[in-house]
């Protein structure tokens, strides 16, 4: 990182949304953390945080670091968003409360128990077919295939057209960054896939009993308005697929990088939840989010002026050696609780228990049926302004 220092505020001239840093962010994250608690990114005139302490503090302080002005570079106070803002991600209390209170009981671990048996059977079926093949792409054949199979079912979405959820999510998370070539990449199809996604959020498109139908029932009870219901369903479909896909890809890559940890999981398969959360800490599928200062905010020796954007590097915080011992190691003996991969505070990921259940079903099936999983080619990154994603990850498996 090339930095200059004015008073106590270091300045970086790097572009964190450039291809080189998106492909391998670790060196930039290290330089960011070492430069100081807050660093000015002059290319975008935003304030960056890479240390765990400051990122965590900003995430839980919605009063001074608001989401209502958008969680991307664009400021909704001065720029119109490309779609109606999310009622969960891009609002703050009190407007955030009712949608959140509707979703929380639908997505608790207790409420999800009814799905466990079915999802475990789906995972067994998928893993069995992959073991029979011997080699496969862990991204397209596993990490994408399983969430696209089970999650839209749980929401109540029809099977035809589900493939639209991936380009929709990719563009959504790209749009949180600057208007670079990655955003341009998604524009060609975004009208088409947005129309499909929005159509699935209508009451008549959703099967009875699913998450989507339960949201509409909440509108009938008066817990939310009927205008809010389709936007909350859209939030589920927007954030419920890509992040889980990336989480399963991340934990697979983690085990490829540390085969001794795969052996440890097979010895103690009850550690699947620790394995998934440790992979979310280690890889941080969601790398960044923005906030906006509602007032002049003092952070360490720096004052962030009101109205300015703050870019929080979740991936850097999750490997901050001030918080984590041996942060670059994927270690099942670690307690990863407290990682910021699912956010923190009122905006922490409401669907994290869904992601954990999906991952647990996949990992448990793999641990039972696969003795060894090995790379047979270099993983290929899929660049995104917000997400740490893969395009492919060729692997070979040895049956147990």
Protein backbone atom coordinates (compact mmCIF):
# COMPACT_ATOMS: atom_id res chain seq x y z
CA UNK A 1 0.00 0.00 0.00
CA UNK A 2 1.30 3.44 -0.84
CA UNK A 3 0.23 5.77 1.90
CA UNK A 4 0.73 9.35 2.91
CA UNK A 5 -0.04 10.74 6.34
CA UNK A 6 -1.79 14.01 7.05
CA UNK A 7 -1.85 14.59 10.83
CA UNK A 8 -2.99 11.23 12.22
CA UNK A 9 -4.97 10.07 9.18
CA UNK A 10 -3.09 7.74 6.80
CA UNK A 11 -4.14 7.92 3.17
CA UNK A 12 -4.08 5.11 0.65
CA UNK A 13 -3.99 5.59 -3.08
CA UNK A 14 -4.88 1.95 -3.79
CA UNK A 15 -8.12 0.85 -5.45
CA UNK A 16 -9.66 -1.92 -3.33
CA UNK A 17 -12.09 -2.59 -6.20
CA UNK A 18 -9.33 -3.13 -8.73
CA UNK A 19 -8.98 -6.62 -10.18
CA UNK A 20 -5.62 -7.30 -8.54
CA UNK A 21 -6.81 -6.63 -4.99
CA UNK A 22 -10.16 -8.34 -5.54
CA UNK A 23 -8.32 -11.45 -6.74
CA UNK A 24 -5.96 -11.52 -3.75
CA UNK A 25 -6.90 -9.04 -1.03
CA UNK A 26 -4.66 -10.34 1.78
CA UNK A 27 -1.64 -8.04 1.13
CA UNK A 28 -3.90 -4.97 0.93
CA UNK A 29 -5.75 -6.02 4.08
CA UNK A 30 -2.45 -6.39 5.95
CA UNK A 31 -1.27 -2.96 4.83
CA UNK A 32 -4.63 -1.41 5.71
CA UNK A 33 -4.58 -2.82 9.24
CA UNK A 34 -0.98 -1.74 9.79
CA UNK A 35 -1.58 1.78 8.47
CA UNK A 36 -3.98 2.62 11.28
CA UNK A 37 -7.47 2.22 12.75
CA UNK A 38 -8.89 4.46 10.01
CA UNK A 39 -7.41 5.08 6.57
CA UNK A 40 -8.59 7.56 3.95
CA UNK A 41 -9.02 6.00 0.49
CA UNK A 42 -8.47 9.04 -1.68
CA UNK A 43 -9.60 7.39 -4.92
CA UNK A 44 -13.18 7.31 -3.61
CA UNK A 45 -12.93 9.83 -0.73
CA UNK A 46 -14.11 7.26 1.80
CA UNK A 47 -12.81 6.19 5.21
CA UNK A 48 -11.70 2.57 5.54
CA UNK A 49 -11.51 0.30 8.58
CA UNK A 50 -9.57 -2.97 8.54
CA UNK A 51 -8.98 -3.72 12.20
CA UNK A 52 -11.43 -5.93 14.08
CA UNK A 53 -12.03 -3.49 16.94
CA UNK A 54 -13.14 -0.62 14.71
CA UNK A 55 -15.10 -2.78 12.25
CA UNK A 56 -17.00 -4.46 15.08
CA UNK A 57 -17.70 -1.13 16.77
CA UNK A 58 -19.03 0.41 13.55
CA UNK A 59 -21.25 -2.59 12.80
CA UNK A 60 -23.04 -2.36 16.15
CA UNK A 61 -23.34 1.45 16.13
CA UNK A 62 -26.24 1.93 13.71
CA UNK A 63 -27.07 5.28 15.29
CA UNK A 64 -23.82 6.91 14.07
CA UNK A 65 -23.04 4.59 11.17
CA UNK A 66 -26.29 4.28 9.28
CA UNK A 67 -27.32 1.80 6.61
CA UNK A 68 -30.28 3.84 5.38
CA UNK A 69 -28.03 5.84 3.06
CA UNK A 70 -27.06 2.58 1.39
CA UNK A 71 -24.49 -0.09 2.24
CA UNK A 72 -22.57 0.53 -0.96
CA UNK A 73 -20.49 3.41 -2.27
CA UNK A 74 -23.58 5.17 -3.61
CA UNK A 75 -25.21 7.57 -1.12
CA UNK A 76 -29.00 7.27 -1.24
CA UNK A 77 -29.28 10.79 0.23
CA UNK A 78 -27.96 12.22 -3.01
CA UNK A 79 -28.16 9.38 -5.55
CA UNK A 80 -31.16 7.25 -6.52
CA UNK A 81 -30.60 3.51 -5.93
CA UNK A 82 -30.85 1.19 -8.94
CA UNK A 83 -33.73 -0.70 -7.28
CA UNK A 84 -36.01 -0.04 -4.26
CA UNK A 85 -33.79 -0.32 -1.17
CA UNK A 86 -33.84 -3.50 0.91
CA UNK A 87 -36.11 -3.17 3.96
CA UNK A 88 -33.58 -5.19 5.98
CA UNK A 89 -30.13 -4.30 4.69
CA UNK A 90 -30.67 -0.67 3.75
CA UNK A 91 -32.86 0.65 6.58
CA UNK A 92 -32.29 1.40 10.25
CA UNK A 93 -34.60 1.32 13.28
CA UNK A 94 -37.47 2.05 13.53
CA UNK A 95 -38.19 1.29 9.83
CA UNK A 96 -35.98 -1.80 10.01
CA UNK A 97 -37.80 -3.31 13.01
CA UNK A 98 -41.07 -4.68 11.58
CA UNK A 99 -39.51 -6.53 8.60
CA UNK A 100 -36.84 -7.96 10.91
CA UNK A 101 -39.40 -9.09 13.48
CA UNK A 102 -41.39 -10.84 10.76
CA UNK A 103 -38.39 -12.78 9.44
CA UNK A 104 -36.69 -13.74 12.70
CA UNK A 105 -39.27 -16.31 13.90
CA UNK A 106 -39.47 -17.83 10.40
CA UNK A 107 -35.71 -18.43 10.29
CA UNK A 108 -34.84 -19.52 13.84
CA UNK A 109 -33.04 -22.87 14.31
CA UNK A 110 -36.19 -24.23 15.95
CA UNK A 111 -38.37 -23.21 13.01
CA UNK A 112 -35.88 -24.75 10.57
CA UNK A 113 -35.97 -28.18 12.21
CA UNK A 114 -38.86 -29.21 9.95
CA UNK A 115 -36.51 -28.82 6.98
CA UNK A 116 -33.58 -30.78 8.37
CA UNK A 117 -34.64 -34.31 7.40
CA UNK A 118 -35.51 -33.27 3.84
CA UNK A 119 -32.31 -31.26 3.37
CA UNK A 120 -30.18 -34.08 4.78
CA UNK A 121 -31.77 -36.48 2.28
CA UNK A 122 -31.15 -34.00 -0.55
CA UNK A 123 -27.52 -33.64 0.51
CA UNK A 124 -27.04 -37.41 0.71
CA UNK A 125 -28.51 -37.79 -2.77
CA UNK A 126 -26.30 -35.06 -4.25
CA UNK A 127 -23.10 -36.26 -2.57
CA UNK A 128 -23.79 -39.86 -3.58
CA UNK A 129 -24.04 -38.82 -7.22
CA UNK A 130 -20.80 -36.83 -6.98
CA UNK A 131 -18.91 -39.67 -5.29
CA UNK A 132 -20.06 -41.97 -8.09
CA UNK A 133 -18.52 -39.56 -10.61
CA UNK A 134 -15.21 -39.38 -8.73
CA UNK A 135 -14.32 -35.92 -10.07
CA UNK A 136 -16.47 -32.80 -10.22
CA UNK A 137 -16.47 -29.03 -9.90
CA UNK A 138 -16.98 -28.16 -6.26
CA UNK A 139 -18.45 -24.78 -7.21
CA UNK A 140 -21.01 -25.56 -9.90
CA UNK A 141 -21.77 -29.19 -8.97
CA UNK A 142 -21.83 -28.79 -5.19
CA UNK A 143 -21.74 -25.26 -3.76
CA UNK A 144 -24.22 -23.87 -6.31
CA UNK A 145 -26.25 -27.01 -6.87
CA UNK A 146 -27.32 -27.63 -3.28
CA UNK A 147 -28.59 -24.15 -2.27
CA UNK A 148 -30.35 -23.75 -5.62
CA UNK A 149 -32.06 -27.07 -4.97
CA UNK A 150 -33.24 -26.57 -1.37
CA UNK A 151 -33.46 -22.86 -0.55
CA UNK A 152 -35.94 -21.73 -3.22
CA UNK A 153 -38.04 -24.77 -2.25
CA UNK A 154 -38.11 -23.48 1.32
CA UNK A 155 -39.11 -20.00 0.17
CA UNK A 156 -41.81 -21.52 -2.07
CA UNK A 157 -40.35 -20.58 -5.45
CA UNK A 158 -41.02 -22.71 -8.53
CA UNK A 159 -38.14 -24.66 -10.07
CA UNK A 160 -38.19 -23.09 -13.52
CA UNK A 161 -35.82 -20.15 -13.80
CA UNK A 162 -33.96 -20.54 -10.50
CA UNK A 163 -30.69 -20.09 -12.31
CA UNK A 164 -31.62 -16.37 -12.50
CA UNK A 165 -30.90 -16.03 -8.78
CA UNK A 166 -27.13 -16.29 -9.30
CA UNK A 167 -26.64 -13.45 -11.84
CA UNK A 168 -29.13 -11.34 -9.86
CA UNK A 169 -27.13 -11.75 -6.65
CA UNK A 170 -23.85 -11.22 -8.48
CA UNK A 171 -25.03 -7.89 -9.87
CA UNK A 172 -26.56 -6.82 -6.57
CA UNK A 173 -23.28 -7.27 -4.69
CA UNK A 174 -21.27 -5.74 -7.55
CA UNK A 175 -23.51 -2.66 -7.40
CA UNK A 176 -22.35 -1.95 -3.82
CA UNK A 177 -18.99 -0.99 -5.31
CA UNK A 178 -18.04 1.71 -7.82
CA UNK A 179 -19.48 1.66 -11.37
CA UNK A 180 -16.60 -0.38 -12.78
CA UNK A 181 -16.42 -3.11 -15.42
CA UNK A 182 -17.87 -5.68 -13.00
CA UNK A 183 -21.06 -3.64 -12.72
CA UNK A 184 -21.15 -3.21 -16.48
CA UNK A 185 -20.85 -7.00 -16.83
CA UNK A 186 -24.19 -7.51 -15.10
CA UNK A 187 -26.16 -4.73 -16.75
CA UNK A 188 -26.86 -6.66 -19.94
CA UNK A 189 -29.19 -9.12 -18.19
CA UNK A 190 -30.22 -7.32 -15.00
CA UNK A 191 -33.60 -6.13 -16.33
CA UNK A 192 -34.50 -9.68 -17.36
CA UNK A 193 -33.37 -11.41 -14.15
CA UNK A 194 -34.82 -8.65 -11.93
CA UNK A 195 -38.19 -9.10 -13.60
CA UNK A 196 -38.04 -12.84 -12.90
CA UNK A 197 -37.02 -12.34 -9.25
CA UNK A 198 -39.71 -9.70 -8.65
CA UNK A 199 -42.35 -11.97 -10.19
CA UNK A 200 -41.46 -14.76 -7.73
CA UNK A 201 -42.11 -12.41 -4.80
CA UNK A 202 -45.82 -12.02 -5.59
CA UNK A 203 -48.24 -13.86 -3.32
CA UNK A 204 -49.76 -15.90 -6.17
CA UNK A 205 -46.31 -17.14 -7.28
CA UNK A 206 -45.38 -18.63 -3.88
CA UNK A 207 -46.30 -22.11 -2.73
CA UNK A 208 -48.27 -22.36 0.57
CA UNK A 209 -46.27 -23.07 3.70
CA UNK A 210 -42.96 -21.63 2.52
CA UNK A 211 -41.02 -18.69 3.93
CA UNK A 212 -42.55 -16.41 1.29
CA UNK A 213 -46.13 -17.37 2.10
CA UNK A 214 -45.42 -16.82 5.81
CA UNK A 215 -44.24 -13.30 5.03
CA UNK A 216 -47.47 -12.58 3.17
CA UNK A 217 -49.44 -13.98 6.15
CA UNK A 218 -47.62 -11.47 8.35
CA UNK A 219 -48.91 -8.75 6.04
CA UNK A 220 -52.44 -10.11 6.39
CA UNK A 221 -52.04 -9.92 10.19
CA UNK A 222 -50.95 -6.30 9.90
CA UNK A 223 -47.39 -6.92 11.14
CA UNK A 224 -46.12 -5.34 7.91
CA UNK A 225 -47.85 -3.71 4.98
CA UNK A 226 -48.79 -5.56 1.82
CA UNK A 227 -46.40 -3.27 -0.04
CA UNK A 228 -43.52 -4.43 2.18
CA UNK A 229 -44.18 -8.17 1.78
CA UNK A 230 -42.75 -8.67 -1.73
CA UNK A 231 -39.68 -6.58 -0.85
CA UNK A 232 -38.97 -8.82 2.16
CA UNK A 233 -39.35 -11.93 -0.01
CA UNK A 234 -36.94 -10.29 -2.45
CA UNK A 235 -34.44 -9.80 0.36
CA UNK A 236 -34.55 -13.53 1.09
CA UNK A 237 -33.97 -14.41 -2.54
CA UNK A 238 -31.26 -11.73 -2.93
CA UNK A 239 -29.13 -12.71 0.04
CA UNK A 240 -30.11 -16.31 0.65
CA UNK A 241 -28.40 -18.01 -2.27
CA UNK A 242 -25.12 -16.33 -3.21
CA UNK A 243 -23.76 -16.04 0.30
CA UNK A 244 -24.52 -19.69 1.08
CA UNK A 245 -23.01 -20.78 -2.23
CA UNK A 246 -19.85 -18.87 -1.34
CA UNK A 247 -19.83 -20.26 2.19
CA UNK A 248 -19.96 -23.86 0.98
CA UNK A 249 -17.29 -23.10 -1.62
CA UNK A 250 -15.15 -21.46 1.06
CA UNK A 251 -15.32 -24.38 3.46
CA UNK A 252 -14.54 -26.80 0.62
CA UNK A 253 -11.50 -24.73 -0.37
CA UNK A 254 -10.47 -24.56 3.28
CA UNK A 255 -10.42 -28.35 3.53
CA UNK A 256 -8.52 -28.62 0.24
CA UNK A 257 -5.92 -26.25 1.72
CA UNK A 258 -5.76 -28.09 5.06
CA UNK A 259 -6.37 -31.83 4.50
CA UNK A 260 -5.49 -32.58 8.14
CA UNK A 261 -8.57 -30.58 9.11
CA UNK A 262 -10.70 -32.79 6.85
CA UNK A 263 -9.37 -35.81 8.72
CA UNK A 264 -10.22 -34.06 11.99
CA UNK A 265 -13.79 -33.42 10.82
CA UNK A 266 -14.22 -37.04 9.75
CA UNK A 267 -13.08 -38.15 13.21
CA UNK A 268 -15.53 -35.74 14.84
CA UNK A 269 -18.36 -35.00 12.38
CA UNK A 270 -20.23 -33.12 15.06
CA UNK A 271 -17.88 -30.21 14.40
CA UNK A 272 -19.54 -29.27 11.11
CA UNK A 273 -20.90 -26.02 12.51
CA UNK A 274 -17.48 -24.99 13.83
CA UNK A 275 -16.00 -25.89 10.44
CA UNK A 276 -18.47 -23.70 8.57
CA UNK A 277 -18.10 -20.70 10.88
CA UNK A 278 -14.32 -21.03 10.86
CA UNK A 279 -14.42 -21.05 7.04
CA UNK A 280 -16.62 -17.94 7.05
CA UNK A 281 -14.06 -16.26 9.31
CA UNK A 282 -11.10 -17.53 7.30
CA UNK A 283 -12.46 -16.69 3.82
CA UNK A 284 -15.07 -13.98 4.53
CA UNK A 285 -17.39 -14.61 1.55
CA UNK A 286 -18.79 -11.10 2.13
CA UNK A 287 -15.66 -8.97 2.10
CA UNK A 288 -16.94 -5.44 2.61
CA UNK A 289 -19.90 -3.27 3.43
CA UNK A 290 -20.29 0.51 3.61
CA UNK A 291 -21.92 2.68 6.24
CA UNK A 292 -22.50 6.45 6.30
CA UNK A 293 -21.64 8.72 9.24
CA UNK A 294 -24.75 10.45 10.58
CA UNK A 295 -22.66 12.94 12.55
CA UNK A 296 -19.01 13.78 13.05
CA UNK A 297 -17.64 10.57 14.60
CA UNK A 298 -14.32 10.30 16.44
CA UNK A 299 -12.60 6.96 15.83
CA UNK A 300 -9.21 6.65 17.54
CA UNK A 301 -7.54 9.99 16.67
CA UNK A 302 -9.58 10.53 13.50
CA UNK A 303 -12.82 12.43 13.04
CA UNK A 304 -14.99 11.05 10.25
CA UNK A 305 -17.15 13.93 8.98
CA UNK A 306 -20.91 13.59 8.90
CA UNK A 307 -22.26 12.37 5.59
CA UNK A 308 -19.06 10.55 4.59
CA UNK A 309 -18.94 6.91 3.61
CA UNK A 310 -17.07 4.32 5.70
CA UNK A 311 -15.88 1.11 4.05
CA UNK A 312 -15.62 -1.75 6.54
CA UNK A 313 -13.31 -4.59 5.46
CA UNK A 314 -14.89 -7.63 7.09
CA UNK A 315 -12.30 -9.89 5.50
CA UNK A 316 -9.46 -7.88 7.03
CA UNK A 317 -11.12 -7.81 10.45
CA UNK A 318 -11.63 -11.56 10.40
CA UNK A 319 -7.88 -12.04 10.04
CA UNK A 320 -6.75 -9.27 12.36
CA UNK A 321 -3.93 -10.71 14.52
CA UNK A 322 -5.00 -8.27 17.26
CA UNK A 323 -8.15 -10.39 17.62
CA UNK A 324 -7.20 -13.84 16.28
CA UNK A 325 -4.25 -16.07 17.08
CA UNK A 326 -2.70 -17.51 13.85
CA UNK A 327 -5.43 -15.74 11.84
CA UNK A 328 -4.39 -17.18 8.46
CA UNK A 329 -4.82 -20.77 9.63
CA UNK A 330 -8.06 -22.68 9.07
CA UNK A 331 -8.26 -24.43 12.42
CA UNK A 332 -11.15 -26.50 13.77
CA UNK A 333 -9.73 -26.17 17.28
CA UNK A 334 -10.39 -22.43 17.14
CA UNK A 335 -13.53 -20.85 18.57
CA UNK A 336 -14.58 -18.66 15.61
CA UNK A 337 -17.52 -17.06 17.42
CA UNK A 338 -17.34 -13.31 17.19
CA UNK A 339 -16.28 -13.26 13.56
CA UNK A 340 -17.95 -10.52 11.54
CA UNK A 341 -18.61 -12.65 8.46
CA UNK A 342 -22.34 -12.49 9.18
CA UNK A 343 -22.20 -8.87 10.33
CA UNK A 344 -23.03 -7.72 13.85
CA UNK A 345 -25.67 -5.72 15.68
CA UNK A 346 -29.16 -5.05 14.36
CA UNK A 347 -28.05 -5.85 10.82
CA UNK A 348 -26.41 -9.21 11.49
CA UNK A 349 -27.46 -11.76 8.88
CA UNK A 350 -31.01 -12.88 9.66
CA UNK A 351 -30.56 -15.92 7.41
CA UNK A 352 -27.33 -17.19 8.99
CA UNK A 353 -29.08 -20.19 10.58
CA UNK A 354 -30.37 -21.22 7.15
CA UNK A 355 -26.84 -21.04 5.74
CA UNK A 356 -25.48 -23.05 8.67
CA UNK A 357 -28.11 -25.76 8.24
CA UNK A 358 -27.45 -26.04 4.50
CA UNK A 359 -23.71 -26.26 5.07
CA UNK A 360 -24.10 -28.77 7.89
CA UNK A 361 -26.17 -31.06 5.67
CA UNK A 362 -23.58 -30.93 2.88
CA UNK A 363 -20.54 -31.32 5.14
CA UNK A 364 -22.11 -34.18 7.10
CA UNK A 365 -22.91 -36.07 3.90
CA UNK A 366 -19.39 -35.49 2.57
CA UNK A 367 -17.77 -36.56 5.83
CA UNK A 368 -19.72 -39.83 5.79
CA UNK A 369 -19.08 -40.68 2.14
CA UNK A 370 -15.69 -39.12 1.30
CA UNK A 371 -12.39 -40.24 2.83
CA UNK A 372 -10.26 -37.78 0.89
CA UNK A 373 -11.00 -34.73 -1.22
CA UNK A 374 -8.19 -33.32 -3.35
CA UNK A 375 -7.71 -30.53 -5.89
CA UNK A 376 -7.14 -31.60 -9.50
CA UNK A 377 -6.70 -28.09 -10.84
CA UNK A 378 -6.27 -24.51 -9.69
CA UNK A 379 -9.42 -22.85 -8.35
CA UNK A 380 -10.57 -19.99 -10.56
CA UNK A 381 -11.78 -16.81 -8.90
CA UNK A 382 -14.95 -15.01 -9.94
CA UNK A 383 -14.35 -11.33 -9.24
CA UNK A 384 -17.06 -9.33 -7.47
CA UNK A 385 -16.90 -5.91 -5.83
CA UNK A 386 -18.23 -7.26 -2.51
CA UNK A 387 -17.98 -11.04 -2.54
CA UNK A 388 -15.04 -13.43 -2.49
CA UNK A 389 -16.23 -15.95 -5.04
CA UNK A 390 -15.08 -18.79 -7.23
CA UNK A 391 -15.97 -19.65 -10.80
CA UNK A 392 -14.68 -23.22 -10.53
CA UNK A 393 -12.84 -25.58 -8.18
CA UNK A 394 -12.08 -28.97 -9.77
CA UNK A 395 -11.72 -31.79 -7.22
CA UNK A 396 -11.42 -35.57 -6.97
CA UNK A 397 -12.89 -37.58 -4.12
CA UNK A 398 -11.99 -40.96 -2.66
CA UNK A 399 -14.97 -42.82 -1.21
CA UNK A 400 -14.94 -43.72 2.46
